[in-house]
Structure formats: C-alpha cells, structure tokens
C-alpha cells in the first residue's frame, strides 16, 4: 500500500516532540506521501522546510486559511506567489470560507479566497479549498472561474448531500477524513458518500485533528496521525461497498494525478 494523505498539518506544535517518529509510523503504515498544510505564510515556509528534509515523502501547499484571512494582505499574496515557484509546492491553498467559527469576517475571507483563486488560475496549479457552512458563498467565487482553473478539491468534506452534489456538478474533487468514522457527527456521510466517483475521491487525516473514533484499539492520545489513514480507507470502503484495497489504489492514483506528483518526482 502506498497511500497519499492529502492533509497533514505536520508543522503543528502537537508534533514538535516526535515529528520524525510520526512520519516514520506513517511510512510503516503504508502512507508514502503526505501533503503538508499551513494556516499562513509562516506555516507554509515551515512546511516547505519540512518537505525539504523528507523530499521523497512530503510535499506542501501554499495558502492562507480562512481563519487567518483577516491578516491577509498584499505582502502575503506576493509571498505566496514566490512560494508557488518552489518544487515542494503542489497546490494553492488551503483557502476558502468558514462561516462556522468566523475567526475572520466574511469580507476578509471572501477577498482572501478570490486572491487565491486568481493565483491558482495564474499559475495553472490545483486549488485546495476549505469550506464550512459556506457552500453558496464559496460557489459564488469559484464557479465563475471554474473553466479557468485546472483541478479543485474540497478537502475534509463534512457537508450535506446537496453540498456534495453541487461540488460534483462543478467537477470538483472531494477529500474524506476521519469525520466519516465519527458516529456522532459524521454518520450522515454514510448515506451519500458513494455519490463521489472513484476518480474524484481522495483520503486524508487532517492530522493532528479528527482522530478516527472507529480505531480499535483506541489510541491513548486523541492526537491524529497520518499512520491512521488506512482506517479512513477501511470505513469509506465499508460504507460504500468498495473493496478497501481497490479504494486505496484508486485514491492514491487520483491524488498523484491531482497534485502532479509523478511529474514532480519523475
């Protein structure tokens, strides 16, 4: 197995004590590639440095999360534009809209997202989206530029059937996390996640967040790790009726194509 975890927040301070061991455990579990995210430009730079220390297994994305959109300005956009030139960067984002926590005001979030969309168009790079309770507003920004964008993923999908259908109708990819393993919050996904065609489905942990609650035995810590990605694959396979081995292979192929990993590694 050579899974691709399309969301691993490995620059998080939660990994400061054992980051290399976390990466080693992921490799032992068959997670051969991890896409490292960041909340802001400083995080992205840290992700790039981490990817340089593990060039065979880590890549990074360049973006400012909607939680940090209130601090986003022209200097940040210029920095992201430079970062997109680096071989370690494989997508623009994580960017988007989050109307759940509202850590940044709506106007700032929208302006930040619009800048990222235009950067993705300019650089012909995949766009990596975050969305919470903001589907209509997100589509107002993304849909008019969809034809100019290459590939787009809504990562950590937790929404409704209507949300999913709207994203699929726009030819977006979908990332599924351990949310689907949570009987309290994610059980609704079991009813319709099979609507995602295999060629548009990717898997992720969003570590250190969203520890799969279905893991047995239960880990002592609540911290999630990329090593737990096979559990996400198992549960997605269970609820969709797809063979987990086949699902692992197809999701990996989709991720490698989406992030152009084979072009990068040769």
C-alpha atoms as a PDB file:
ATOM      1  CA  UNK A   1       0.000   0.000   0.000  1.00  0.00           C
ATOM      2  CA  UNK A   2       1.205   3.491  -0.869  1.00  0.00           C
ATOM      3  CA  UNK A   3      -1.470   5.887   0.310  1.00  0.00           C
ATOM      4  CA  UNK A   4      -1.405   9.645  -0.137  1.00  0.00           C
ATOM      5  CA  UNK A   5      -2.613  11.658   2.851  1.00  0.00           C
ATOM      6  CA  UNK A   6      -3.769  14.885   1.224  1.00  0.00           C
ATOM      7  CA  UNK A   7      -3.993  16.791   4.539  1.00  0.00           C
ATOM      8  CA  UNK A   8      -1.381  16.523   7.264  1.00  0.00           C
ATOM      9  CA  UNK A   9      -0.741  19.566   9.447  1.00  0.00           C
ATOM     10  CA  UNK A  10       2.729  18.349  10.358  1.00  0.00           C
ATOM     11  CA  UNK A  11       4.020  21.794  11.290  1.00  0.00           C
ATOM     12  CA  UNK A  12       1.600  21.812  14.227  1.00  0.00           C
ATOM     13  CA  UNK A  13       3.204  22.188  17.644  1.00  0.00           C
ATOM     14  CA  UNK A  14       1.448  18.964  18.598  1.00  0.00           C
ATOM     15  CA  UNK A  15       4.171  17.163  16.626  1.00  0.00           C
ATOM     16  CA  UNK A  16       7.148  19.076  17.997  1.00  0.00           C
ATOM     17  CA  UNK A  17       8.243  16.288  20.317  1.00  0.00           C
ATOM     18  CA  UNK A  18       8.136  13.405  17.829  1.00  0.00           C
ATOM     19  CA  UNK A  19       7.635  14.718  14.273  1.00  0.00           C
ATOM     20  CA  UNK A  20      10.169  12.372  12.655  1.00  0.00           C
ATOM     21  CA  UNK A  21       8.685   9.398  14.504  1.00  0.00           C
ATOM     22  CA  UNK A  22       5.207  10.370  13.285  1.00  0.00           C
ATOM     23  CA  UNK A  23       6.465  10.406   9.700  1.00  0.00           C
ATOM     24  CA  UNK A  24       8.193   7.057  10.215  1.00  0.00           C
ATOM     25  CA  UNK A  25       4.993   5.500  11.586  1.00  0.00           C
ATOM     26  CA  UNK A  26       3.084   6.778   8.575  1.00  0.00           C
ATOM     27  CA  UNK A  27       5.550   5.144   6.210  1.00  0.00           C
ATOM     28  CA  UNK A  28       5.312   1.887   8.145  1.00  0.00           C
ATOM     29  CA  UNK A  29       1.515   2.053   7.796  1.00  0.00           C
ATOM     30  CA  UNK A  30       1.738   2.409   4.024  1.00  0.00           C
ATOM     31  CA  UNK A  31       1.233   6.158   3.832  1.00  0.00           C
ATOM     32  CA  UNK A  32       4.019   7.013   1.447  1.00  0.00           C
ATOM     33  CA  UNK A  33       3.180  10.625   0.647  1.00  0.00           C
ATOM     34  CA  UNK A  34       1.846  13.390   2.892  1.00  0.00           C
ATOM     35  CA  UNK A  35       0.641  16.819   1.766  1.00  0.00           C
ATOM     36  CA  UNK A  36       1.570  19.349   4.456  1.00  0.00           C
ATOM     37  CA  UNK A  37      -0.739  22.325   5.026  1.00  0.00           C
ATOM     38  CA  UNK A  38      -0.376  25.660   6.814  1.00  0.00           C
ATOM     39  CA  UNK A  39      -2.561  28.400   8.270  1.00  0.00           C
ATOM     40  CA  UNK A  40      -0.489  31.300   6.973  1.00  0.00           C
ATOM     41  CA  UNK A  41       2.669  32.231   5.095  1.00  0.00           C
ATOM     42  CA  UNK A  42       4.939  31.408   8.029  1.00  0.00           C
ATOM     43  CA  UNK A  43       3.370  27.953   8.288  1.00  0.00           C
ATOM     44  CA  UNK A  44       3.830  27.406   4.556  1.00  0.00           C
ATOM     45  CA  UNK A  45       7.509  28.256   4.819  1.00  0.00           C
ATOM     46  CA  UNK A  46       7.847  25.790   7.700  1.00  0.00           C
ATOM     47  CA  UNK A  47       6.052  23.159   5.601  1.00  0.00           C
ATOM     48  CA  UNK A  48       8.476  23.736   2.731  1.00  0.00           C
ATOM     49  CA  UNK A  49      11.454  23.274   5.055  1.00  0.00           C
ATOM     50  CA  UNK A  50       9.933  20.077   6.411  1.00  0.00           C
ATOM     51  CA  UNK A  51       9.321  18.789   2.884  1.00  0.00           C
ATOM     52  CA  UNK A  52      12.940  19.522   2.015  1.00  0.00           C
ATOM     53  CA  UNK A  53      14.035  17.300   4.893  1.00  0.00           C
ATOM     54  CA  UNK A  54      11.803  14.493   3.605  1.00  0.00           C
ATOM     55  CA  UNK A  55      11.780  15.032  -0.171  1.00  0.00           C
ATOM     56  CA  UNK A  56      10.648  11.520  -1.046  1.00  0.00           C
ATOM     57  CA  UNK A  57       7.561  11.612   1.151  1.00  0.00           C
ATOM     58  CA  UNK A  58       6.403  15.181   1.830  1.00  0.00           C
ATOM     59  CA  UNK A  59       5.075  17.996  -0.338  1.00  0.00           C
ATOM     60  CA  UNK A  60       3.321  21.207   0.674  1.00  0.00           C
ATOM     61  CA  UNK A  61       0.604  23.646  -0.350  1.00  0.00           C
ATOM     62  CA  UNK A  62       0.787  27.456  -0.351  1.00  0.00           C
ATOM     63  CA  UNK A  63      -2.150  29.334   1.069  1.00  0.00           C
ATOM     64  CA  UNK A  64      -3.749  31.288   3.874  1.00  0.00           C
ATOM     65  CA  UNK A  65      -6.544  29.524   5.745  1.00  0.00           C
ATOM     66  CA  UNK A  66      -9.851  31.424   6.130  1.00  0.00           C
ATOM     67  CA  UNK A  67      -9.235  31.546   9.889  1.00  0.00           C
ATOM     68  CA  UNK A  68      -6.238  33.786   9.095  1.00  0.00           C
ATOM     69  CA  UNK A  69      -7.910  35.753   6.297  1.00  0.00           C
ATOM     70  CA  UNK A  70      -8.295  38.852   8.453  1.00  0.00           C
ATOM     71  CA  UNK A  71      -4.498  39.187   8.483  1.00  0.00           C
ATOM     72  CA  UNK A  72      -4.094  38.561   4.730  1.00  0.00           C
ATOM     73  CA  UNK A  73      -2.634  41.386   2.652  1.00  0.00           C
ATOM     74  CA  UNK A  74      -0.631  42.226  -0.454  1.00  0.00           C
ATOM     75  CA  UNK A  75       2.637  41.153   1.179  1.00  0.00           C
ATOM     76  CA  UNK A  76       1.165  37.722   1.873  1.00  0.00           C
ATOM     77  CA  UNK A  77      -0.031  37.373  -1.718  1.00  0.00           C
ATOM     78  CA  UNK A  78       3.414  38.325  -3.005  1.00  0.00           C
ATOM     79  CA  UNK A  79       4.998  35.762  -0.690  1.00  0.00           C
ATOM     80  CA  UNK A  80       2.586  33.046  -1.855  1.00  0.00           C
ATOM     81  CA  UNK A  81       3.354  33.889  -5.476  1.00  0.00           C
ATOM     82  CA  UNK A  82       7.056  33.332  -4.793  1.00  0.00           C
ATOM     83  CA  UNK A  83       6.396  30.160  -2.820  1.00  0.00           C
ATOM     84  CA  UNK A  84       4.429  28.711  -5.743  1.00  0.00           C
ATOM     85  CA  UNK A  85       7.672  28.683  -7.734  1.00  0.00           C
ATOM     86  CA  UNK A  86       9.190  26.136  -5.345  1.00  0.00           C
ATOM     87  CA  UNK A  87       9.188  22.463  -6.339  1.00  0.00           C
ATOM     88  CA  UNK A  88       7.856  21.489  -2.909  1.00  0.00           C
ATOM     89  CA  UNK A  89       4.579  23.378  -3.504  1.00  0.00           C
ATOM     90  CA  UNK A  90       1.932  21.329  -5.303  1.00  0.00           C
ATOM     91  CA  UNK A  91      -1.270  23.387  -4.875  1.00  0.00           C
ATOM     92  CA  UNK A  92      -2.651  26.807  -3.993  1.00  0.00           C
ATOM     93  CA  UNK A  93      -4.418  26.745  -0.618  1.00  0.00           C
ATOM     94  CA  UNK A  94      -5.644  25.745   1.875  1.00  0.00           C
ATOM     95  CA  UNK A  95      -8.027  28.622   1.276  1.00  0.00           C
ATOM     96  CA  UNK A  96     -11.758  29.092   1.387  1.00  0.00           C
ATOM     97  CA  UNK A  97     -14.641  30.162   3.583  1.00  0.00           C
ATOM     98  CA  UNK A  98     -15.522  29.150   7.131  1.00  0.00           C
ATOM     99  CA  UNK A  99     -18.818  30.615   8.359  1.00  0.00           C
ATOM    100  CA  UNK A 100     -18.917  28.190  11.276  1.00  0.00           C
ATOM    101  CA  UNK A 101     -16.256  29.625  13.545  1.00  0.00           C
ATOM    102  CA  UNK A 102     -15.916  33.014  11.826  1.00  0.00           C
ATOM    103  CA  UNK A 103     -12.411  33.667  13.111  1.00  0.00           C
ATOM    104  CA  UNK A 104     -12.164  36.190  10.264  1.00  0.00           C
ATOM    105  CA  UNK A 105     -15.000  38.377   8.995  1.00  0.00           C
ATOM    106  CA  UNK A 106     -16.873  37.405   5.845  1.00  0.00           C
ATOM    107  CA  UNK A 107     -15.499  40.215   3.681  1.00  0.00           C
ATOM    108  CA  UNK A 108     -11.897  39.354   4.563  1.00  0.00           C
ATOM    109  CA  UNK A 109     -12.494  35.676   3.897  1.00  0.00           C
ATOM    110  CA  UNK A 110     -14.030  36.358   0.514  1.00  0.00           C
ATOM    111  CA  UNK A 111     -11.236  38.713  -0.551  1.00  0.00           C
ATOM    112  CA  UNK A 112      -8.622  36.194   0.548  1.00  0.00           C
ATOM    113  CA  UNK A 113     -10.336  33.384  -1.355  1.00  0.00           C
ATOM    114  CA  UNK A 114     -10.658  35.497  -4.503  1.00  0.00           C
ATOM    115  CA  UNK A 115      -6.919  36.209  -4.417  1.00  0.00           C
ATOM    116  CA  UNK A 116      -6.128  32.511  -4.103  1.00  0.00           C
ATOM    117  CA  UNK A 117      -8.437  31.590  -6.967  1.00  0.00           C
ATOM    118  CA  UNK A 118      -6.719  34.104  -9.224  1.00  0.00           C
ATOM    119  CA  UNK A 119      -3.303  32.836  -8.139  1.00  0.00           C
ATOM    120  CA  UNK A 120      -4.317  29.270  -8.997  1.00  0.00           C
ATOM    121  CA  UNK A 121      -5.549  30.439 -12.393  1.00  0.00           C
ATOM    122  CA  UNK A 122      -2.360  32.417 -12.999  1.00  0.00           C
ATOM    123  CA  UNK A 123      -0.061  29.541 -12.051  1.00  0.00           C
ATOM    124  CA  UNK A 124      -2.203  26.759 -13.543  1.00  0.00           C
ATOM    125  CA  UNK A 125      -1.998  24.929 -10.224  1.00  0.00           C
ATOM    126  CA  UNK A 126      -4.610  22.867  -8.360  1.00  0.00           C
ATOM    127  CA  UNK A 127      -6.798  24.800  -5.927  1.00  0.00           C
ATOM    128  CA  UNK A 128      -7.165  23.410  -2.406  1.00  0.00           C
ATOM    129  CA  UNK A 129     -10.383  24.505  -0.675  1.00  0.00           C
ATOM    130  CA  UNK A 130     -11.747  24.612   2.867  1.00  0.00           C
ATOM    131  CA  UNK A 131     -15.487  25.144   3.387  1.00  0.00           C
ATOM    132  CA  UNK A 132     -17.707  25.162   6.472  1.00  0.00           C
ATOM    133  CA  UNK A 133     -21.350  26.263   6.284  1.00  0.00           C
ATOM    134  CA  UNK A 134     -20.476  28.442   3.305  1.00  0.00           C
ATOM    135  CA  UNK A 135     -21.242  26.465   0.166  1.00  0.00           C
ATOM    136  CA  UNK A 136     -23.323  29.131  -1.603  1.00  0.00           C
ATOM    137  CA  UNK A 137     -20.801  31.886  -0.937  1.00  0.00           C
ATOM    138  CA  UNK A 138     -17.897  29.644  -1.941  1.00  0.00           C
ATOM    139  CA  UNK A 139     -19.548  28.769  -5.244  1.00  0.00           C
ATOM    140  CA  UNK A 140     -20.198  32.457  -5.947  1.00  0.00           C
ATOM    141  CA  UNK A 141     -16.423  32.886  -6.027  1.00  0.00           C
ATOM    142  CA  UNK A 142     -15.272  29.597  -7.544  1.00  0.00           C
ATOM    143  CA  UNK A 143     -17.955  28.765 -10.110  1.00  0.00           C
ATOM    144  CA  UNK A 144     -17.389  31.781 -12.405  1.00  0.00           C
ATOM    145  CA  UNK A 145     -13.685  30.890 -12.614  1.00  0.00           C
ATOM    146  CA  UNK A 146     -14.087  27.108 -12.821  1.00  0.00           C
ATOM    147  CA  UNK A 147     -13.286  26.904 -16.531  1.00  0.00           C
ATOM    148  CA  UNK A 148     -10.062  28.832 -15.960  1.00  0.00           C
ATOM    149  CA  UNK A 149      -8.997  26.634 -13.052  1.00  0.00           C
ATOM    150  CA  UNK A 150      -7.324  23.278 -13.536  1.00  0.00           C
ATOM    151  CA  UNK A 151      -8.229  20.885 -10.699  1.00  0.00           C
ATOM    152  CA  UNK A 152     -10.034  21.807  -7.481  1.00  0.00           C
ATOM    153  CA  UNK A 153     -10.561  19.813  -4.272  1.00  0.00           C
ATOM    154  CA  UNK A 154     -12.894  20.478  -1.357  1.00  0.00           C
ATOM    155  CA  UNK A 155     -10.848  18.954   1.423  1.00  0.00           C
ATOM    156  CA  UNK A 156     -12.242  17.482   4.650  1.00  0.00           C
ATOM    157  CA  UNK A 157     -15.774  17.271   3.288  1.00  0.00           C
ATOM    158  CA  UNK A 158     -18.332  17.235   6.119  1.00  0.00           C
ATOM    159  CA  UNK A 159     -21.384  18.739   4.440  1.00  0.00           C
ATOM    160  CA  UNK A 160     -24.781  17.654   3.204  1.00  0.00           C
ATOM    161  CA  UNK A 161     -25.909  15.658   0.188  1.00  0.00           C
ATOM    162  CA  UNK A 162     -26.849  18.924  -1.521  1.00  0.00           C
ATOM    163  CA  UNK A 163     -23.385  20.330  -0.814  1.00  0.00           C
ATOM    164  CA  UNK A 164     -21.764  17.255  -2.295  1.00  0.00           C
ATOM    165  CA  UNK A 165     -23.916  17.244  -5.412  1.00  0.00           C
ATOM    166  CA  UNK A 166     -23.188  20.926  -6.009  1.00  0.00           C
ATOM    167  CA  UNK A 167     -19.444  20.304  -5.819  1.00  0.00           C
ATOM    168  CA  UNK A 168     -19.597  17.236  -8.033  1.00  0.00           C
ATOM    169  CA  UNK A 169     -21.682  19.134 -10.589  1.00  0.00           C
ATOM    170  CA  UNK A 170     -18.837  21.652 -10.767  1.00  0.00           C
ATOM    171  CA  UNK A 171     -16.339  18.822 -11.375  1.00  0.00           C
ATOM    172  CA  UNK A 172     -14.582  19.259  -8.033  1.00  0.00           C
ATOM    173  CA  UNK A 173     -12.649  16.566  -6.187  1.00  0.00           C
ATOM    174  CA  UNK A 174     -13.607  15.546  -2.660  1.00  0.00           C
ATOM    175  CA  UNK A 175     -11.359  14.781   0.316  1.00  0.00           C
ATOM    176  CA  UNK A 176     -12.697  12.487   3.050  1.00  0.00           C
ATOM    177  CA  UNK A 177     -11.298  12.424   6.591  1.00  0.00           C
ATOM    178  CA  UNK A 178     -11.903  10.571   9.834  1.00  0.00           C
ATOM    179  CA  UNK A 179     -15.081  12.649  10.193  1.00  0.00           C
ATOM    180  CA  UNK A 180     -16.744   9.731   8.421  1.00  0.00           C
ATOM    181  CA  UNK A 181     -15.563   7.475  11.272  1.00  0.00           C
ATOM    182  CA  UNK A 182     -17.375   9.585  13.877  1.00  0.00           C
ATOM    183  CA  UNK A 183     -20.751   8.125  14.804  1.00  0.00           C
ATOM    184  CA  UNK A 184     -21.763  11.397  16.465  1.00  0.00           C
ATOM    185  CA  UNK A 185     -21.023  13.892  13.688  1.00  0.00           C
ATOM    186  CA  UNK A 186     -20.225  12.027  10.514  1.00  0.00           C
ATOM    187  CA  UNK A 187     -22.784   9.245  10.224  1.00  0.00           C
ATOM    188  CA  UNK A 188     -24.829  11.280   7.725  1.00  0.00           C
ATOM    189  CA  UNK A 189     -21.972  10.907   5.220  1.00  0.00           C
ATOM    190  CA  UNK A 190     -22.568   7.162   5.099  1.00  0.00           C
ATOM    191  CA  UNK A 191     -25.823   7.757   3.209  1.00  0.00           C
ATOM    192  CA  UNK A 192     -24.357   9.533   0.192  1.00  0.00           C
ATOM    193  CA  UNK A 193     -20.551   9.498   0.085  1.00  0.00           C
ATOM    194  CA  UNK A 194     -20.845   6.759  -2.528  1.00  0.00           C
ATOM    195  CA  UNK A 195     -22.011   9.503  -4.919  1.00  0.00           C
ATOM    196  CA  UNK A 196     -18.365  10.551  -5.270  1.00  0.00           C
ATOM    197  CA  UNK A 197     -16.933   8.800  -8.334  1.00  0.00           C
ATOM    198  CA  UNK A 198     -13.701   6.911  -7.594  1.00  0.00           C
ATOM    199  CA  UNK A 199     -11.819   9.204  -9.968  1.00  0.00           C
ATOM    200  CA  UNK A 200     -12.653  12.222  -7.797  1.00  0.00           C
ATOM    201  CA  UNK A 201     -12.206  10.790  -4.298  1.00  0.00           C
ATOM    202  CA  UNK A 202      -9.132  11.357  -2.132  1.00  0.00           C
ATOM    203  CA  UNK A 203      -8.485  10.480   1.518  1.00  0.00           C
ATOM    204  CA  UNK A 204      -6.866  12.424   4.325  1.00  0.00           C
ATOM    205  CA  UNK A 205      -6.335  12.554   8.059  1.00  0.00           C
ATOM    206  CA  UNK A 206      -6.162  16.327   8.662  1.00  0.00           C
ATOM    207  CA  UNK A 207      -3.812  15.303  11.475  1.00  0.00           C
ATOM    208  CA  UNK A 208      -3.455  16.175  14.300  1.00  0.00           C
ATOM    209  CA  UNK A 209      -7.214  16.731  14.163  1.00  0.00           C
ATOM    210  CA  UNK A 210     -10.125  14.339  13.568  1.00  0.00           C
ATOM    211  CA  UNK A 211      -8.801  11.142  15.100  1.00  0.00           C
ATOM    212  CA  UNK A 212     -10.958   8.299  13.671  1.00  0.00           C
ATOM    213  CA  UNK A 213     -13.235   7.262  16.526  1.00  0.00           C
ATOM    214  CA  UNK A 214     -13.616   3.802  14.993  1.00  0.00           C
ATOM    215  CA  UNK A 215      -9.967   2.882  15.615  1.00  0.00           C
ATOM    216  CA  UNK A 216      -9.539  -0.295  17.643  1.00  0.00           C
ATOM    217  CA  UNK A 217      -7.763  -0.466  19.938  1.00  0.00           C
ATOM    218  CA  UNK A 218      -8.341   3.203  20.755  1.00  0.00           C
ATOM    219  CA  UNK A 219      -5.115   5.221  20.840  1.00  0.00           C
ATOM    220  CA  UNK A 220      -4.119   6.585  24.220  1.00  0.00           C
ATOM    221  CA  UNK A 221      -3.803  10.050  22.767  1.00  0.00           C
ATOM    222  CA  UNK A 222      -6.546  11.998  20.984  1.00  0.00           C
ATOM    223  CA  UNK A 223      -3.960  13.259  18.511  1.00  0.00           C
ATOM    224  CA  UNK A 224      -4.457  12.041  14.969  1.00  0.00           C
ATOM    225  CA  UNK A 225      -1.549  10.898  12.773  1.00  0.00           C
ATOM    226  CA  UNK A 226      -1.092  10.106   9.079  1.00  0.00           C
ATOM    227  CA  UNK A 227      -0.476   6.490  10.159  1.00  0.00           C
ATOM    228  CA  UNK A 228      -4.210   6.225  10.850  1.00  0.00           C
ATOM    229  CA  UNK A 229      -5.198   6.929   7.235  1.00  0.00           C
ATOM    230  CA  UNK A 230      -5.853   3.225   6.488  1.00  0.00           C
ATOM    231  CA  UNK A 231      -8.737   3.374   8.968  1.00  0.00           C
ATOM    232  CA  UNK A 232     -10.371   6.122   6.916  1.00  0.00           C
ATOM    233  CA  UNK A 233      -9.970   3.955   3.826  1.00  0.00           C
ATOM    234  CA  UNK A 234     -11.469   0.968   5.652  1.00  0.00           C
ATOM    235  CA  UNK A 235     -14.549   2.878   6.769  1.00  0.00           C
ATOM    236  CA  UNK A 236     -15.106   4.523   3.379  1.00  0.00           C
ATOM    237  CA  UNK A 237     -14.858   1.091   1.808  1.00  0.00           C
ATOM    238  CA  UNK A 238     -17.311  -0.328   4.324  1.00  0.00           C
ATOM    239  CA  UNK A 239     -19.979   2.326   3.815  1.00  0.00           C
ATOM    240  CA  UNK A 240     -19.645   2.444   0.019  1.00  0.00           C
ATOM    241  CA  UNK A 241     -19.319  -1.281  -0.568  1.00  0.00           C
ATOM    242  CA  UNK A 242     -15.965  -0.798  -2.257  1.00  0.00           C
ATOM    243  CA  UNK A 243     -13.007  -3.057  -1.662  1.00  0.00           C
ATOM    244  CA  UNK A 244     -10.578  -1.172   0.617  1.00  0.00           C
ATOM    245  CA  UNK A 245      -7.551  -2.326  -1.365  1.00  0.00           C
ATOM    246  CA  UNK A 246      -9.077  -1.064  -4.588  1.00  0.00           C
ATOM    247  CA  UNK A 247     -10.132   2.162  -2.876  1.00  0.00           C
ATOM    248  CA  UNK A 248      -6.595   2.659  -1.597  1.00  0.00           C
ATOM    249  CA  UNK A 249      -5.190   2.181  -5.081  1.00  0.00           C
ATOM    250  CA  UNK A 250      -7.665   4.480  -6.805  1.00  0.00           C
ATOM    251  CA  UNK A 251      -7.448   7.271  -4.215  1.00  0.00           C
ATOM    252  CA  UNK A 252      -3.667   7.162  -4.457  1.00  0.00           C
ATOM    253  CA  UNK A 253      -3.805   7.339  -8.253  1.00  0.00           C
ATOM    254  CA  UNK A 254      -6.223  10.267  -8.066  1.00  0.00           C
ATOM    255  CA  UNK A 255      -4.003  12.147  -5.600  1.00  0.00           C
ATOM    256  CA  UNK A 256      -0.866  11.544  -7.621  1.00  0.00           C
ATOM    257  CA  UNK A 257      -2.592  12.883 -10.708  1.00  0.00           C
ATOM    258  CA  UNK A 258      -4.280  15.808  -8.912  1.00  0.00           C
ATOM    259  CA  UNK A 259      -1.047  17.062  -7.340  1.00  0.00           C
ATOM    260  CA  UNK A 260       1.076  16.045 -10.366  1.00  0.00           C
ATOM    261  CA  UNK A 261       3.351  14.025  -8.133  1.00  0.00           C
ATOM    262  CA  UNK A 262       4.694  11.853 -10.920  1.00  0.00           C
ATOM    263  CA  UNK A 263       5.695  14.937 -12.901  1.00  0.00           C
ATOM    264  CA  UNK A 264       7.459  16.231  -9.824  1.00  0.00           C
ATOM    265  CA  UNK A 265       9.364  13.049  -8.971  1.00  0.00           C
ATOM    266  CA  UNK A 266       9.935  11.889 -12.484  1.00  0.00           C
END
